[in-house]
Amino acid sequence: MTYIRVRLGAGVLGLALVGGLAAAPSASAAAAAPATVEEQRLDQTAPQEILRRSGFDTVATGFARALERAGSFGQAERVVAGQGARLWQRAVDRAQGRGPAGGDLSRDDDRPLYWARLGMTREVRQWEPEFGLTDTQRASLLAELEENSRGENAIRYPHAKGVKRILLTGFDPFTLDRDVRISNPSGATALALDGTTIQTADGPARIETAVFPVRWQDFAQGTVERTLRRQLPCVDLFTTVSQGRVGRFDVERTNGAWRGGFPDNENVSRTETIPVTDPASQPQWTSTTLPYARIAAAATGRFPVYDHTSVTEIPAGGTDPVVRPDGPTPGSTARAGGGGDYLSNEIAYRATLLRDRLGLHDSLPGGHVHTPVLQFGTGNTDPATGTVTDPEFVQNRLDIIAQVRAIVTVAVSGAGR
């Protein structure tokens, strides 16, 4: 099995600043915003070491200098969009072996992208230009930076005939207050596979990827739907990917419309029905259309792969949650999908609900895959005394990336419209 990188040159990402008169200071300009919970973690030792050992430690300062040269909000928008896109491409290039490594941190590492992005968002949040920024303008710049640095605006497929199209998404690291060194194998997989072509039994297939935040509010504001809506009608298969259980892959059969309240990366909790547009037509459950039986039966790597069918529901007419090993019963209310009640279940629910609302349920294979938990090596499990990387940690991540690639290869074989 081989994969080939296909991507436009990095030059297309360069955006020249447009000259012009600086806008007059706005009478309604708002003061700089405080750093977020995520951004405050940046100053800890481990994030700084990760940035230094990857060469990403200069990203935020270079970005700040570019922002300072912006003489208007329009120029600032162009700086933010261009620099965000460059960060995404730099992280993809590093993961795929192009350009300098920038340090001794392994190239497959997703964490430099995460921490460098937070350095950039902190700069935007604290920037007070002479022309003035309103709260709305600052929020717009932050949104532009997020979208471009996550690959959401870089999803492009070739027009060549006979090349299938795959969309894959990953996540940022999370549970960082438990261990700030954490990496997310789904995000690492997205970087490793973005823009690559895999060879399947039915010919070549191009993979495009994006990485989503671990924040309830971003999901409520529609980041998943904005990114996927324009892509799903054009692809042959999609899979959302996240870190799941120890020592196993799971193809999640059913997704539930419930948020269970576990804190996100901002330490915010949400316990409620997943908020979507048109809630009157919102189903309690959605289902995968990935070929789960074929995936589970295939030899894709060292970890076992399961067709995972269990959910937690409140049965029709009942009041208490019940675990159902074989999926939901008619008329029940969701309390956890196969992937739980956190954002991994939510992205699966949102993506498959969007598939169904676009009328693609019967023609588009799509669903969610949970990877094994990415574990540090023996003796490196204490966040207070452990190192940010070790050989076993790197090998585990490489094995997970390779197995996701193999799972996708199996899944897309035979798919098409």
Protein backbone atom coordinates (compact mmCIF):
# COMPACT_ATOMS: atom_id res chain seq x y z
CA MET A 1 0.00 0.00 0.00
CA THR A 2 1.47 3.38 -1.02
CA TYR A 3 0.41 6.95 -0.67
CA ILE A 4 1.52 9.94 -2.67
CA ARG A 5 1.39 13.57 -1.69
CA VAL A 6 -0.50 15.82 -4.10
CA ARG A 7 -0.69 19.48 -3.14
CA LEU A 8 -0.33 22.89 -4.74
CA GLY A 9 2.91 24.67 -4.01
CA ALA A 10 3.24 26.57 -0.78
CA GLY A 11 3.36 29.77 -2.76
CA VAL A 12 -0.40 29.80 -3.19
CA LEU A 13 -0.71 30.38 0.53
CA GLY A 14 1.32 33.55 0.51
CA LEU A 15 -0.78 36.69 0.81
CA ALA A 16 0.81 40.06 0.25
CA LEU A 17 -0.34 42.91 2.40
CA VAL A 18 -2.33 45.43 0.45
CA GLY A 19 -1.15 48.96 0.99
CA GLY A 20 -3.49 51.76 1.89
CA LEU A 21 -4.35 54.33 4.44
CA ALA A 22 -4.90 53.07 7.96
CA ALA A 23 -8.45 53.32 9.15
CA ALA A 24 -9.22 55.95 11.74
CA PRO A 25 -9.49 54.63 15.28
CA SER A 26 -12.97 53.36 16.03
CA ALA A 27 -14.90 55.14 18.73
CA SER A 28 -16.33 51.75 19.73
CA ALA A 29 -12.97 49.95 19.83
CA ALA A 30 -12.86 47.31 22.53
CA ALA A 31 -10.02 46.57 24.91
CA ALA A 32 -7.84 43.50 24.51
CA ALA A 33 -9.45 40.28 25.67
CA PRO A 34 -7.92 38.12 28.42
CA ALA A 35 -6.21 34.86 27.52
CA THR A 36 -8.47 31.82 27.52
CA VAL A 37 -8.05 28.75 29.69
CA GLU A 38 -6.42 26.95 26.73
CA GLU A 39 -4.04 29.83 26.06
CA GLN A 40 -3.03 30.07 29.71
CA ARG A 41 -1.62 26.52 29.55
CA LEU A 42 0.89 27.71 26.95
CA ASP A 43 3.32 28.98 29.55
CA GLN A 44 3.77 25.60 31.20
CA THR A 45 7.07 23.80 30.70
CA ALA A 46 5.84 20.95 28.48
CA PRO A 47 4.10 23.08 25.81
CA GLN A 48 7.15 25.33 25.60
CA GLU A 49 9.41 22.31 25.18
CA ILE A 50 7.15 20.86 22.47
CA LEU A 51 7.26 24.16 20.57
CA ARG A 52 11.03 24.53 20.96
CA ARG A 53 11.83 20.95 19.92
CA SER A 54 9.73 21.28 16.76
CA GLY A 55 10.86 24.73 15.69
CA PHE A 56 7.33 26.09 16.15
CA ASP A 57 8.42 28.32 19.04
CA THR A 58 8.83 31.31 16.70
CA VAL A 59 5.36 31.07 15.12
CA ALA A 60 3.52 33.36 17.53
CA THR A 61 6.21 36.05 17.60
CA GLY A 62 6.44 36.12 13.80
CA PHE A 63 2.67 36.33 13.59
CA ALA A 64 2.61 39.19 16.10
CA ARG A 65 5.10 41.16 13.99
CA ALA A 66 2.97 40.64 10.89
CA LEU A 67 -0.12 41.82 12.76
CA GLU A 68 1.65 44.96 13.91
CA ARG A 69 2.30 45.90 10.27
CA ALA A 70 -1.42 45.77 9.47
CA GLY A 71 -2.78 49.29 9.10
CA SER A 72 -6.46 48.41 8.80
CA PHE A 73 -8.92 45.71 9.67
CA GLY A 74 -8.91 44.50 6.06
CA GLN A 75 -5.14 44.10 6.14
CA ALA A 76 -5.39 42.29 9.47
CA GLU A 77 -7.89 39.85 7.95
CA ARG A 78 -5.45 39.02 5.18
CA VAL A 79 -2.59 38.54 7.63
CA VAL A 80 -4.65 36.23 9.81
CA ALA A 81 -5.95 34.15 6.91
CA GLY A 82 -2.54 33.82 5.29
CA GLN A 83 -0.61 33.05 8.46
CA GLY A 84 -3.25 30.56 9.62
CA ALA A 85 -3.07 28.72 6.30
CA ARG A 86 0.73 28.69 6.45
CA LEU A 87 0.66 27.17 9.93
CA TRP A 88 -1.61 24.34 8.74
CA GLN A 89 0.56 23.67 5.70
CA ARG A 90 3.74 23.80 7.77
CA ALA A 91 2.32 21.23 10.20
CA VAL A 92 1.22 18.96 7.33
CA ASP A 93 4.59 19.30 5.62
CA ARG A 94 6.45 18.47 8.82
CA ALA A 95 4.27 15.43 9.46
CA GLN A 96 4.85 14.18 5.94
CA GLY A 97 8.61 14.68 5.92
CA ARG A 98 8.91 17.83 3.84
CA GLY A 99 11.16 20.69 4.87
CA PRO A 100 13.23 20.96 8.03
CA ALA A 101 12.12 19.07 11.11
CA GLY A 102 12.96 22.13 13.21
CA GLY A 103 14.13 20.00 16.11
CA ASP A 104 14.31 16.47 17.47
CA LEU A 105 10.60 16.01 18.16
CA SER A 106 9.26 13.26 15.89
CA ARG A 107 7.61 14.52 12.71
CA ASP A 108 4.37 12.63 13.34
CA ASP A 109 3.61 14.81 16.37
CA ASP A 110 0.36 16.81 16.26
CA ARG A 111 1.11 18.92 19.33
CA PRO A 112 3.25 21.68 17.70
CA LEU A 113 0.25 22.70 15.60
CA TYR A 114 -2.03 22.84 18.63
CA TRP A 115 0.26 24.90 20.83
CA ALA A 116 1.44 27.20 18.03
CA ARG A 117 -2.17 27.97 17.11
CA LEU A 118 -2.90 28.92 20.72
CA GLY A 119 0.08 31.25 20.67
CA MET A 120 -1.42 32.94 17.61
CA THR A 121 -4.93 33.21 19.04
CA ARG A 122 -3.50 34.75 22.21
CA GLU A 123 -1.76 37.38 20.10
CA VAL A 124 -5.03 38.25 18.35
CA ARG A 125 -6.88 38.38 21.65
CA GLN A 126 -4.38 40.78 23.19
CA TRP A 127 -3.69 42.94 20.12
CA GLU A 128 -4.68 46.61 20.37
CA PRO A 129 -3.97 48.24 16.99
CA GLU A 130 -4.04 52.01 16.54
CA PHE A 131 -7.04 51.78 14.22
CA GLY A 132 -9.05 50.02 16.92
CA LEU A 133 -10.88 46.70 16.99
CA THR A 134 -14.45 46.08 18.05
CA ASP A 135 -15.36 42.87 19.83
CA THR A 136 -17.07 41.69 16.66
CA GLN A 137 -13.98 42.35 14.54
CA ARG A 138 -11.71 40.56 17.02
CA ALA A 139 -14.06 37.56 17.03
CA SER A 140 -14.02 37.58 13.23
CA LEU A 141 -10.21 37.50 13.16
CA LEU A 142 -10.15 34.62 15.65
CA ALA A 143 -12.66 32.67 13.57
CA GLU A 144 -10.61 33.28 10.42
CA LEU A 145 -7.48 32.07 12.17
CA GLU A 146 -9.19 28.93 13.49
CA GLU A 147 -10.65 27.93 10.14
CA ASN A 148 -7.44 28.43 8.18
CA SER A 149 -5.08 26.85 10.71
CA ARG A 150 -7.27 23.75 11.00
CA GLY A 151 -7.34 22.89 7.30
CA GLU A 152 -11.04 23.69 7.01
CA ASN A 153 -10.48 26.04 4.07
CA ALA A 154 -7.80 23.90 2.40
CA ILE A 155 -9.95 20.91 1.40
CA ARG A 156 -9.49 20.53 -2.36
CA TYR A 157 -9.79 17.44 -4.54
CA PRO A 158 -8.30 16.80 -7.99
CA HIS A 159 -10.61 16.70 -10.99
CA ALA A 160 -8.99 13.57 -12.39
CA LYS A 161 -11.41 10.82 -13.37
CA GLY A 162 -11.29 7.60 -11.42
CA VAL A 163 -9.91 9.16 -8.21
CA LYS A 164 -12.20 8.69 -5.24
CA ARG A 165 -12.55 11.36 -2.60
CA ILE A 166 -12.24 10.76 1.15
CA LEU A 167 -12.83 13.29 3.91
CA LEU A 168 -11.32 12.58 7.34
CA THR A 169 -11.38 14.71 10.47
CA GLY A 170 -9.41 14.63 13.72
CA PHE A 171 -9.31 16.49 17.03
CA ASP A 172 -6.99 18.62 19.15
CA PRO A 173 -5.37 17.13 22.27
CA PHE A 174 -7.68 17.18 25.30
CA THR A 175 -7.80 16.41 29.06
CA LEU A 176 -4.76 18.67 29.32
CA ASP A 177 -5.24 19.45 32.99
CA ARG A 178 -4.80 15.74 33.61
CA ASP A 179 -1.59 15.67 31.54
CA VAL A 180 -0.52 18.69 29.52
CA ARG A 181 1.83 16.50 27.45
CA ILE A 182 -1.07 14.70 25.76
CA SER A 183 -1.14 14.16 21.99
CA ASN A 184 -4.24 13.16 20.03
CA PRO A 185 -3.67 10.37 17.49
CA SER A 186 -6.67 11.51 15.45
CA GLY A 187 -5.09 14.91 14.91
CA ALA A 188 -1.76 13.30 14.09
CA THR A 189 -3.53 11.07 11.57
CA ALA A 190 -5.17 14.07 9.93
CA LEU A 191 -1.77 15.74 9.46
CA ALA A 192 -0.17 12.55 8.16
CA LEU A 193 -2.91 11.84 5.60
CA ASP A 194 -3.91 15.30 4.39
CA GLY A 195 -3.57 15.61 0.62
CA THR A 196 -2.26 12.06 0.21
CA THR A 197 -3.46 9.46 -2.27
CA ILE A 198 -3.93 5.86 -1.19
CA GLN A 199 -4.11 2.90 -3.56
CA THR A 200 -7.23 0.79 -3.09
CA ALA A 201 -8.64 -2.30 -4.77
CA ASP A 202 -10.72 0.07 -6.93
CA GLY A 203 -7.94 2.48 -7.79
CA PRO A 204 -6.57 5.66 -6.23
CA ALA A 205 -8.35 7.68 -3.55
CA ARG A 206 -7.43 11.17 -2.37
CA ILE A 207 -7.72 12.03 1.33
CA GLU A 208 -8.37 15.54 2.61
CA THR A 209 -8.52 16.35 6.31
CA ALA A 210 -9.29 18.94 8.98
CA VAL A 211 -8.78 19.08 12.76
CA PHE A 212 -11.54 20.29 15.08
CA PRO A 213 -11.36 21.95 18.51
CA VAL A 214 -12.42 20.23 21.72
CA ARG A 215 -14.85 22.97 22.71
CA TRP A 216 -18.60 22.68 23.19
CA GLN A 217 -19.27 26.24 22.08
CA ASP A 218 -17.58 25.88 18.68
CA PHE A 219 -19.76 22.88 17.93
CA ALA A 220 -22.92 24.73 19.01
CA GLN A 221 -21.91 27.55 16.66
CA GLY A 222 -21.84 25.13 13.71
CA THR A 223 -18.14 24.65 12.96
CA VAL A 224 -18.72 21.03 11.88
CA GLU A 225 -21.63 21.80 9.58
CA ARG A 226 -19.91 24.83 8.02
CA THR A 227 -16.91 22.71 7.10
CA LEU A 228 -18.68 19.55 5.97
CA ARG A 229 -21.78 20.89 4.23
CA ARG A 230 -19.93 21.94 1.10
CA GLN A 231 -17.87 18.72 1.04
CA LEU A 232 -20.24 15.81 1.69
CA PRO A 233 -22.11 16.04 -1.65
CA CYS A 234 -18.75 15.73 -3.43
CA VAL A 235 -17.00 12.89 -1.58
CA ASP A 236 -17.17 9.10 -1.82
CA LEU A 237 -16.63 8.45 1.90
CA PHE A 238 -16.14 10.38 5.11
CA THR A 239 -15.05 9.42 8.58
CA THR A 240 -14.71 11.45 11.72
CA VAL A 241 -11.93 10.11 13.93
CA SER A 242 -11.15 10.57 17.62
CA GLN A 243 -9.27 8.90 20.45
CA GLY A 244 -11.39 6.30 22.23
CA ARG A 245 -10.65 3.22 24.33
CA VAL A 246 -7.41 1.59 25.41
CA GLY A 247 -5.95 -1.01 23.04
CA ARG A 248 -8.70 -1.11 20.40
CA PHE A 249 -10.34 0.56 17.44
CA ASP A 250 -14.12 0.92 17.33
CA VAL A 251 -16.40 1.62 14.38
CA GLU A 252 -19.29 3.30 16.18
CA ARG A 253 -22.60 1.96 14.89
CA THR A 254 -24.95 4.53 16.49
CA ASN A 255 -24.63 8.17 17.59
CA GLY A 256 -26.81 9.85 20.21
CA ALA A 257 -28.22 13.39 20.47
CA TRP A 258 -26.91 14.01 23.99
CA ARG A 259 -24.10 15.99 25.63
CA GLY A 260 -22.98 14.39 28.86
CA GLY A 261 -21.19 17.35 30.42
CA PHE A 262 -17.53 16.28 30.56
CA PRO A 263 -15.40 19.46 30.61
CA ASP A 264 -13.92 20.60 27.32
CA ASN A 265 -10.55 22.27 26.73
CA GLU A 266 -11.90 25.50 28.23
CA ASN A 267 -13.10 23.57 31.31
CA VAL A 268 -16.69 24.25 30.26
CA SER A 269 -19.38 21.59 30.78
CA ARG A 270 -22.59 21.12 28.80
CA THR A 271 -25.33 18.64 29.73
CA GLU A 272 -28.14 18.92 27.21
CA THR A 273 -29.54 17.73 23.92
CA ILE A 274 -27.06 18.48 21.14
CA PRO A 275 -28.11 21.89 19.77
CA VAL A 276 -28.75 21.80 16.03
CA THR A 277 -30.71 23.82 13.50
CA ASP A 278 -34.35 22.78 13.10
CA PRO A 279 -34.54 20.93 16.44
CA ALA A 280 -38.16 19.98 15.73
CA SER A 281 -36.93 17.45 13.18
CA GLN A 282 -33.93 16.32 15.21
CA PRO A 283 -33.69 12.53 15.69
CA GLN A 284 -32.46 10.98 18.92
CA TRP A 285 -30.15 8.64 17.00
CA THR A 286 -28.17 8.54 13.77
CA SER A 287 -26.28 5.57 12.36
CA THR A 288 -23.08 4.85 10.52
CA THR A 289 -23.10 3.96 6.85
CA LEU A 290 -19.46 2.86 6.91
CA PRO A 291 -18.96 -0.81 5.96
CA TYR A 292 -18.41 -1.76 9.60
CA ALA A 293 -18.47 -5.53 9.13
CA ARG A 294 -15.85 -5.39 6.37
CA ILE A 295 -13.65 -3.04 8.39
CA ALA A 296 -13.83 -5.18 11.53
CA ALA A 297 -13.02 -8.36 9.59
CA ALA A 298 -10.01 -6.95 7.72
CA ALA A 299 -6.39 -7.26 8.87
CA THR A 300 -5.56 -3.57 9.23
CA GLY A 301 -2.89 -3.49 11.96
CA ARG A 302 -1.82 -4.49 15.43
CA PHE A 303 -4.94 -3.29 17.27
CA PRO A 304 -8.25 -5.21 17.15
CA VAL A 305 -11.13 -3.43 15.42
CA TYR A 306 -14.68 -3.79 16.73
CA ASP A 307 -18.13 -3.13 15.34
CA HIS A 308 -19.32 -1.30 18.44
CA THR A 309 -23.10 -1.39 18.91
CA SER A 310 -23.72 -0.43 22.57
CA VAL A 311 -25.64 2.74 23.52
CA THR A 312 -27.23 4.21 26.64
CA GLU A 313 -30.88 5.23 26.39
CA ILE A 314 -33.95 6.15 28.39
CA PRO A 315 -36.51 3.66 27.04
CA ALA A 316 -39.84 4.93 25.74
CA GLY A 317 -42.04 5.59 28.78
CA GLY A 318 -39.10 5.22 31.17
CA THR A 319 -37.13 7.62 33.34
CA ASP A 320 -33.79 5.94 34.01
CA PRO A 321 -30.88 5.38 31.61
CA VAL A 322 -30.33 1.79 30.44
CA VAL A 323 -27.33 0.35 28.57
CA ARG A 324 -28.35 -1.46 25.39
CA PRO A 325 -25.56 -3.66 24.00
CA ASP A 326 -27.32 -4.07 20.65
CA GLY A 327 -28.34 -0.48 20.00
CA PRO A 328 -31.34 1.73 20.79
CA THR A 329 -34.93 0.56 21.06
CA PRO A 330 -37.86 2.30 19.30
CA GLY A 331 -38.91 5.62 20.79
CA SER A 332 -36.02 5.87 23.25
CA THR A 333 -34.18 9.02 24.30
CA ALA A 334 -30.42 9.16 23.82
CA ARG A 335 -28.06 9.41 26.76
CA ALA A 336 -24.89 8.09 25.06
CA GLY A 337 -24.06 6.88 21.59
CA GLY A 338 -21.59 4.12 20.90
CA GLY A 339 -18.91 6.77 21.14
CA GLY A 340 -20.18 8.08 24.48
CA ASP A 341 -21.62 11.51 25.24
CA TYR A 342 -18.62 13.77 24.58
CA LEU A 343 -17.50 15.64 21.47
CA SER A 344 -16.44 12.48 19.62
CA ASN A 345 -20.05 11.31 19.73
CA GLU A 346 -21.20 14.81 18.87
CA ILE A 347 -19.08 15.17 15.74
CA ALA A 348 -20.30 11.75 14.61
CA TYR A 349 -23.90 12.74 15.29
CA ARG A 350 -23.59 16.09 13.53
CA ALA A 351 -21.79 14.68 10.49
CA THR A 352 -24.23 11.80 9.99
CA LEU A 353 -27.26 14.01 10.65
CA LEU A 354 -25.95 16.42 8.00
CA ARG A 355 -25.46 13.47 5.63
CA ASP A 356 -29.08 12.46 6.16
CA ARG A 357 -30.46 15.99 5.85
CA LEU A 358 -28.61 16.32 2.54
CA GLY A 359 -30.38 13.17 1.33
CA LEU A 360 -27.16 11.14 1.19
CA HIS A 361 -27.89 8.35 3.69
CA ASP A 362 -28.25 5.66 1.05
CA SER A 363 -25.40 6.78 -1.18
CA LEU A 364 -22.61 8.09 1.06
CA PRO A 365 -20.64 5.84 3.43
CA GLY A 366 -19.81 7.79 6.54
CA GLY A 367 -19.47 7.51 10.30
CA HIS A 368 -17.04 7.56 13.18
CA VAL A 369 -13.90 5.59 14.05
CA HIS A 370 -12.40 5.61 17.54
CA THR A 371 -8.66 4.98 17.79
CA PRO A 372 -6.88 3.41 20.75
CA VAL A 373 -5.74 5.72 23.53
CA LEU A 374 -2.25 7.00 22.73
CA GLN A 375 -0.11 5.92 25.67
CA PHE A 376 3.33 6.96 26.85
CA GLY A 377 5.95 4.30 27.43
CA THR A 378 6.40 2.32 30.60
CA GLY A 379 7.92 4.54 33.28
CA ASN A 380 6.82 7.75 31.57
CA THR A 381 3.28 7.94 32.89
CA ASP A 382 3.67 10.62 35.56
CA PRO A 383 2.97 14.07 34.07
CA ALA A 384 4.97 15.74 36.84
CA THR A 385 8.18 13.82 36.20
CA GLY A 386 7.79 12.32 32.72
CA THR A 387 9.20 13.52 29.41
CA VAL A 388 7.14 14.95 26.55
CA THR A 389 7.97 11.99 24.31
CA ASP A 390 9.57 8.54 24.32
CA PRO A 391 10.16 5.77 21.74
CA GLU A 392 7.11 3.72 22.73
CA PHE A 393 4.87 6.79 22.60
CA VAL A 394 6.09 7.60 19.08
CA GLN A 395 5.71 4.00 17.90
CA ASN A 396 2.18 3.80 19.28
CA ARG A 397 1.22 6.94 17.38
CA LEU A 398 2.82 5.73 14.15
CA ASP A 399 1.00 2.40 14.44
CA ILE A 400 -2.34 4.11 14.99
CA ILE A 401 -1.80 6.41 11.99
CA ALA A 402 -0.89 3.44 9.78
CA GLN A 403 -3.92 1.49 10.94
CA VAL A 404 -6.32 4.37 10.28
CA ARG A 405 -4.88 4.59 6.78
CA ALA A 406 -5.50 0.87 6.32
CA ILE A 407 -9.05 1.11 7.72
CA VAL A 408 -9.87 3.92 5.32
CA THR A 409 -8.43 1.92 2.45
CA VAL A 410 -10.70 -1.02 3.30
CA ALA A 411 -13.71 1.24 3.82
CA VAL A 412 -13.47 3.09 0.50
CA SER A 413 -12.94 -0.07 -1.58
CA GLY A 414 -16.25 -0.70 -3.28
CA ALA A 415 -17.63 2.70 -2.30
CA GLY A 416 -18.80 5.18 -4.87
CA ARG A 417 -21.79 6.84 -6.41
